[in-house]
PDB file of N, CA and C in Angstrom:
ATOM      1  N   MET A   1     176.012 166.338 -17.390  1.00  0.00           N
ATOM      2  CA  MET A   1     177.310 166.973 -17.413  1.00  0.00           C
ATOM      3  C   MET A   1     178.078 166.608 -18.680  1.00  0.00           C
ATOM      4  N   MET A   2     177.979 165.363 -19.118  1.00  0.00           N
ATOM      5  CA  MET A   2     178.775 164.918 -20.258  1.00  0.00           C
ATOM      6  C   MET A   2     178.033 165.079 -21.581  1.00  0.00           C
ATOM      7  N   GLY A   3     176.760 164.727 -21.577  1.00  0.00           N
ATOM      8  CA  GLY A   3     176.002 164.771 -22.823  1.00  0.00           C
ATOM      9  C   GLY A   3     175.272 166.083 -22.999  1.00  0.00           C
ATOM     10  N   LYS A   4     174.964 166.400 -24.224  1.00  0.00           N
ATOM     11  CA  LYS A   4     174.277 167.660 -24.490  1.00  0.00           C
ATOM     12  C   LYS A   4     172.856 167.437 -25.023  1.00  0.00           C
ATOM     13  N   ALA A   5     172.679 166.438 -25.860  1.00  0.00           N
ATOM     14  CA  ALA A   5     171.379 166.194 -26.477  1.00  0.00           C
ATOM     15  C   ALA A   5     170.637 165.098 -25.714  1.00  0.00           C
ATOM     16  N   THR A   6     169.494 165.420 -25.169  1.00  0.00           N
ATOM     17  CA  THR A   6     168.695 164.446 -24.438  1.00  0.00           C
ATOM     18  C   THR A   6     167.914 163.589 -25.419  1.00  0.00           C
ATOM     19  N   ARG A   7     167.922 162.285 -25.175  1.00  0.00           N
ATOM     20  CA  ARG A   7     167.176 161.345 -26.004  1.00  0.00           C
ATOM     21  C   ARG A   7     166.065 160.745 -25.161  1.00  0.00           C
ATOM     22  N   VAL A   8     164.912 160.567 -25.758  1.00  0.00           N
ATOM     23  CA  VAL A   8     163.766 159.988 -25.060  1.00  0.00           C
ATOM     24  C   VAL A   8     163.276 158.803 -25.873  1.00  0.00           C
ATOM     25  N   ILE A   9     163.105 157.663 -25.204  1.00  0.00           N
ATOM     26  CA  ILE A   9     162.577 156.457 -25.820  1.00  0.00           C
ATOM     27  C   ILE A   9     161.279 156.113 -25.093  1.00  0.00           C
ATOM     28  N   VAL A  10     160.219 155.899 -25.860  1.00  0.00           N
ATOM     29  CA  VAL A  10     158.939 155.469 -25.296  1.00  0.00           C
ATOM     30  C   VAL A  10     158.576 154.156 -25.970  1.00  0.00           C
ATOM     31  N   ASP A  11     158.396 153.081 -25.164  1.00  0.00           N
ATOM     32  CA  ASP A  11     158.070 151.793 -25.766  1.00  0.00           C
ATOM     33  C   ASP A  11     156.562 151.629 -25.959  1.00  0.00           C
ATOM     34  N   GLN A  12     156.155 150.456 -26.416  1.00  0.00           N
ATOM     35  CA  GLN A  12     154.748 150.203 -26.748  1.00  0.00           C
ATOM     36  C   GLN A  12     153.828 150.301 -25.542  1.00  0.00           C
ATOM     37  N   SER A  13     154.332 149.990 -24.356  1.00  0.00           N
ATOM     38  CA  SER A  13     153.488 150.045 -23.161  1.00  0.00           C
ATOM     39  C   SER A  13     153.474 151.437 -22.528  1.00  0.00           C
ATOM     40  N   GLY A  14     154.170 152.373 -23.140  1.00  0.00           N
ATOM     41  CA  GLY A  14     154.173 153.734 -22.634  1.00  0.00           C
ATOM     42  C   GLY A  14     155.280 154.050 -21.645  1.00  0.00           C
ATOM     43  N   GLU A  15     156.141 153.061 -21.355  1.00  0.00           N
ATOM     44  CA  GLU A  15     157.258 153.319 -20.458  1.00  0.00           C
ATOM     45  C   GLU A  15     158.251 154.241 -21.153  1.00  0.00           C
ATOM     46  N   ARG A  16     158.777 155.159 -20.394  1.00  0.00           N
ATOM     47  CA  ARG A  16     159.628 156.200 -20.959  1.00  0.00           C
ATOM     48  C   ARG A  16     161.021 156.146 -20.332  1.00  0.00           C
ATOM     49  N   VAL A  17     162.042 156.226 -21.174  1.00  0.00           N
ATOM     50  CA  VAL A  17     163.429 156.274 -20.724  1.00  0.00           C
ATOM     51  C   VAL A  17     164.057 157.509 -21.343  1.00  0.00           C
ATOM     52  N   GLU A  18     164.707 158.308 -20.506  1.00  0.00           N
ATOM     53  CA  GLU A  18     165.326 159.540 -20.970  1.00  0.00           C
ATOM     54  C   GLU A  18     166.807 159.506 -20.603  1.00  0.00           C
ATOM     55  N   TYR A  19     167.659 159.795 -21.564  1.00  0.00           N
ATOM     56  CA  TYR A  19     169.090 159.784 -21.299  1.00  0.00           C
ATOM     57  C   TYR A  19     169.798 160.782 -22.189  1.00  0.00           C
ATOM     58  N   THR A  20     171.037 161.079 -21.847  1.00  0.00           N
ATOM     59  CA  THR A  20     171.855 161.942 -22.694  1.00  0.00           C
ATOM     60  C   THR A  20     173.004 161.116 -23.246  1.00  0.00           C
ATOM     61  N   ALA A  21     173.248 161.251 -24.528  1.00  0.00           N
ATOM     62  CA  ALA A  21     174.327 160.518 -25.184  1.00  0.00           C
ATOM     63  C   ALA A  21     175.652 161.229 -24.935  1.00  0.00           C
ATOM     64  N   VAL A  22     176.720 160.452 -24.900  1.00  0.00           N
ATOM     65  CA  VAL A  22     178.054 161.011 -24.672  1.00  0.00           C
ATOM     66  C   VAL A  22     179.051 160.264 -25.545  1.00  0.00           C
ATOM     67  N   SER A  23     180.074 160.937 -25.968  1.00  0.00           N
ATOM     68  CA  SER A  23     181.105 160.257 -26.749  1.00  0.00           C
ATOM     69  C   SER A  23     182.047 159.521 -25.803  1.00  0.00           C
ATOM     70  N   SER A  24     182.628 158.438 -26.265  1.00  0.00           N
ATOM     71  CA  SER A  24     183.519 157.664 -25.407  1.00  0.00           C
ATOM     72  C   SER A  24     184.770 158.464 -25.038  1.00  0.00           C
ATOM     73  N   ALA A  25     185.244 159.319 -25.929  1.00  0.00           N
ATOM     74  CA  ALA A  25     186.422 160.143 -25.619  1.00  0.00           C
ATOM     75  C   ALA A  25     186.123 161.111 -24.475  1.00  0.00           C
ATOM     76  N   ASN A  26     184.948 161.749 -24.509  1.00  0.00           N
ATOM     77  CA  ASN A  26     184.564 162.662 -23.423  1.00  0.00           C
ATOM     78  C   ASN A  26     184.401 161.908 -22.109  1.00  0.00           C
ATOM     79  N   LEU A  27     183.833 160.718 -22.190  1.00  0.00           N
ATOM     80  CA  LEU A  27     183.633 159.913 -20.985  1.00  0.00           C
ATOM     81  C   LEU A  27     184.972 159.502 -20.383  1.00  0.00           C
ATOM     82  N   MET A  28     185.924 159.072 -21.202  1.00  0.00           N
ATOM     83  CA  MET A  28     187.240 158.686 -20.698  1.00  0.00           C
ATOM     84  C   MET A  28     187.965 159.882 -20.076  1.00  0.00           C
ATOM     85  N   ALA A  29     187.838 161.049 -20.688  1.00  0.00           N
ATOM     86  CA  ALA A  29     188.462 162.252 -20.137  1.00  0.00           C
ATOM     87  C   ALA A  29     187.864 162.578 -18.769  1.00  0.00           C
ATOM     88  N   TYR A  30     186.555 162.426 -18.630  1.00  0.00           N
ATOM     89  CA  TYR A  30     185.887 162.689 -17.359  1.00  0.00           C
ATOM     90  C   TYR A  30     186.330 161.679 -16.296  1.00  0.00           C
ATOM     91  N   ILE A  31     186.456 160.415 -16.680  1.00  0.00           N
ATOM     92  CA  ILE A  31     186.906 159.380 -15.740  1.00  0.00           C
ATOM     93  C   ILE A  31     188.324 159.682 -15.273  1.00  0.00           C
ATOM     94  N   ARG A  32     189.202 160.068 -16.189  1.00  0.00           N
ATOM     95  CA  ARG A  32     190.587 160.419 -15.831  1.00  0.00           C
ATOM     96  C   ARG A  32     190.619 161.623 -14.875  1.00  0.00           C
ATOM     97  N   GLU A  33     189.734 162.588 -15.132  1.00  0.00           N
ATOM     98  CA  GLU A  33     189.653 163.757 -14.251  1.00  0.00           C
ATOM     99  C   GLU A  33     189.244 163.343 -12.841  1.00  0.00           C
ATOM    100  N   LEU A  34     188.234 162.479 -12.739  1.00  0.00           N
ATOM    101  CA  LEU A  34     187.789 162.014 -11.423  1.00  0.00           C
ATOM    102  C   LEU A  34     188.862 161.188 -10.737  1.00  0.00           C
ATOM    103  N   GLU A  35     189.555 160.328 -11.495  1.00  0.00           N
ATOM    104  CA  GLU A  35     190.633 159.542 -10.923  1.00  0.00           C
ATOM    105  C   GLU A  35     191.739 160.454 -10.392  1.00  0.00           C
ATOM    106  N   GLY A  36     192.034 161.521 -11.106  1.00  0.00           N
ATOM    107  CA  GLY A  36     193.036 162.477 -10.656  1.00  0.00           C
ATOM    108  C   GLY A  36     192.635 163.149  -9.366  1.00  0.00           C
ATOM    109  N   LYS A  37     191.368 163.507  -9.271  1.00  0.00           N
ATOM    110  CA  LYS A  37     190.881 164.136  -8.043  1.00  0.00           C
ATOM    111  C   LYS A  37     190.916 163.162  -6.873  1.00  0.00           C
ATOM    112  N   LEU A  38     190.580 161.910  -7.120  1.00  0.00           N
ATOM    113  CA  LEU A  38     190.626 160.911  -6.059  1.00  0.00           C
ATOM    114  C   LEU A  38     192.059 160.639  -5.632  1.00  0.00           C
ATOM    115  N   GLY A  39     192.977 160.605  -6.588  1.00  0.00           N
ATOM    116  CA  GLY A  39     194.376 160.377  -6.276  1.00  0.00           C
ATOM    117  C   GLY A  39     194.956 161.507  -5.450  1.00  0.00           C
ATOM    118  N   ALA A  40     194.550 162.717  -5.725  1.00  0.00           N
ATOM    119  CA  ALA A  40     195.038 163.874  -4.976  1.00  0.00           C
ATOM    120  C   ALA A  40     194.519 163.852  -3.545  1.00  0.00           C
ATOM    121  N   ALA A  41     193.367 163.266  -3.337  1.00  0.00           N
ATOM    122  CA  ALA A  41     192.770 163.239  -2.009  1.00  0.00           C
ATOM    123  C   ALA A  41     193.306 162.081  -1.161  1.00  0.00           C
ATOM    124  N   SER A  42     193.877 161.068  -1.810  1.00  0.00           N
ATOM    125  CA  SER A  42     194.384 159.921  -1.052  1.00  0.00           C
ATOM    126  C   SER A  42     195.833 160.151  -0.660  1.00  0.00           C
ATOM    127  N   ARG A  43     196.414 159.204   0.006  1.00  0.00           N
ATOM    128  CA  ARG A  43     197.801 159.327   0.458  1.00  0.00           C
ATOM    129  C   ARG A  43     198.761 159.159  -0.714  1.00  0.00           C
ATOM    130  N   GLY A  44     199.277 160.234  -1.216  1.00  0.00           N
ATOM    131  CA  GLY A  44     200.280 160.169  -2.261  1.00  0.00           C
ATOM    132  C   GLY A  44     199.789 159.562  -3.560  1.00  0.00           C
ATOM    133  N   GLY A  45     198.501 159.389  -3.711  1.00  0.00           N
ATOM    134  CA  GLY A  45     197.949 158.843  -4.934  1.00  0.00           C
ATOM    135  C   GLY A  45     198.002 157.331  -5.029  1.00  0.00           C
ATOM    136  N   ARG A  46     198.496 156.669  -3.979  1.00  0.00           N
ATOM    137  CA  ARG A  46     198.562 155.209  -4.073  1.00  0.00           C
ATOM    138  C   ARG A  46     197.267 154.596  -3.568  1.00  0.00           C
ATOM    139  N   ALA A  47     196.952 153.443  -4.092  1.00  0.00           N
ATOM    140  CA  ALA A  47     195.717 152.757  -3.709  1.00  0.00           C
ATOM    141  C   ALA A  47     195.861 152.190  -2.302  1.00  0.00           C
ATOM    142  N   VAL A  48     194.797 152.198  -1.560  1.00  0.00           N
ATOM    143  CA  VAL A  48     194.765 151.654  -0.216  1.00  0.00           C
ATOM    144  C   VAL A  48     194.036 150.324  -0.275  1.00  0.00           C
ATOM    145  N   GLY A  49     194.589 149.312   0.377  1.00  0.00           N
ATOM    146  CA  GLY A  49     193.995 147.981   0.356  1.00  0.00           C
ATOM    147  C   GLY A  49     192.711 147.899   1.137  1.00  0.00           C
ATOM    148  N   PRO A  50     192.094 146.729   1.119  1.00  0.00           N
ATOM    149  CA  PRO A  50     190.824 146.552   1.829  1.00  0.00           C
ATOM    150  C   PRO A  50     191.012 146.625   3.346  1.00  0.00           C
ATOM    151  N   LEU A  51     189.990 147.002   4.034  1.00  0.00           N
ATOM    152  CA  LEU A  51     190.002 147.104   5.488  1.00  0.00           C
ATOM    153  C   LEU A  51     189.797 145.719   6.082  1.00  0.00           C
ATOM    154  N   ARG A  52     190.656 145.356   7.040  1.00  0.00           N
ATOM    155  CA  ARG A  52     190.529 144.050   7.679  1.00  0.00           C
ATOM    156  C   ARG A  52     190.459 144.243   9.176  1.00  0.00           C
ATOM    157  N   PHE A  53     189.596 143.463   9.826  1.00  0.00           N
ATOM    158  CA  PHE A  53     189.474 143.506  11.279  1.00  0.00           C
ATOM    159  C   PHE A  53     190.200 142.300  11.869  1.00  0.00           C
ATOM    160  N   VAL A  54     190.974 142.529  12.910  1.00  0.00           N
ATOM    161  CA  VAL A  54     191.684 141.459  13.582  1.00  0.00           C
ATOM    162  C   VAL A  54     191.075 141.298  14.971  1.00  0.00           C
ATOM    163  N   TRP A  55     190.694 140.069  15.305  1.00  0.00           N
ATOM    164  CA  TRP A  55     190.067 139.802  16.617  1.00  0.00           C
ATOM    165  C   TRP A  55     191.051 139.254  17.574  1.00  0.00           C
TER     166      TRP A  55
END
């Protein structure tokens, strides 16, 4: 979704790693977009604390 050019690395033993490169600006914009969507789905956009059980 973020990267356009796929990079492939093959080491001496033949193991292969494939990834897409992304710029940090695009990545930060995507993170902000996801945070916005999560905030809209929560109660008023505020963070909810951890769940605690009382016995």
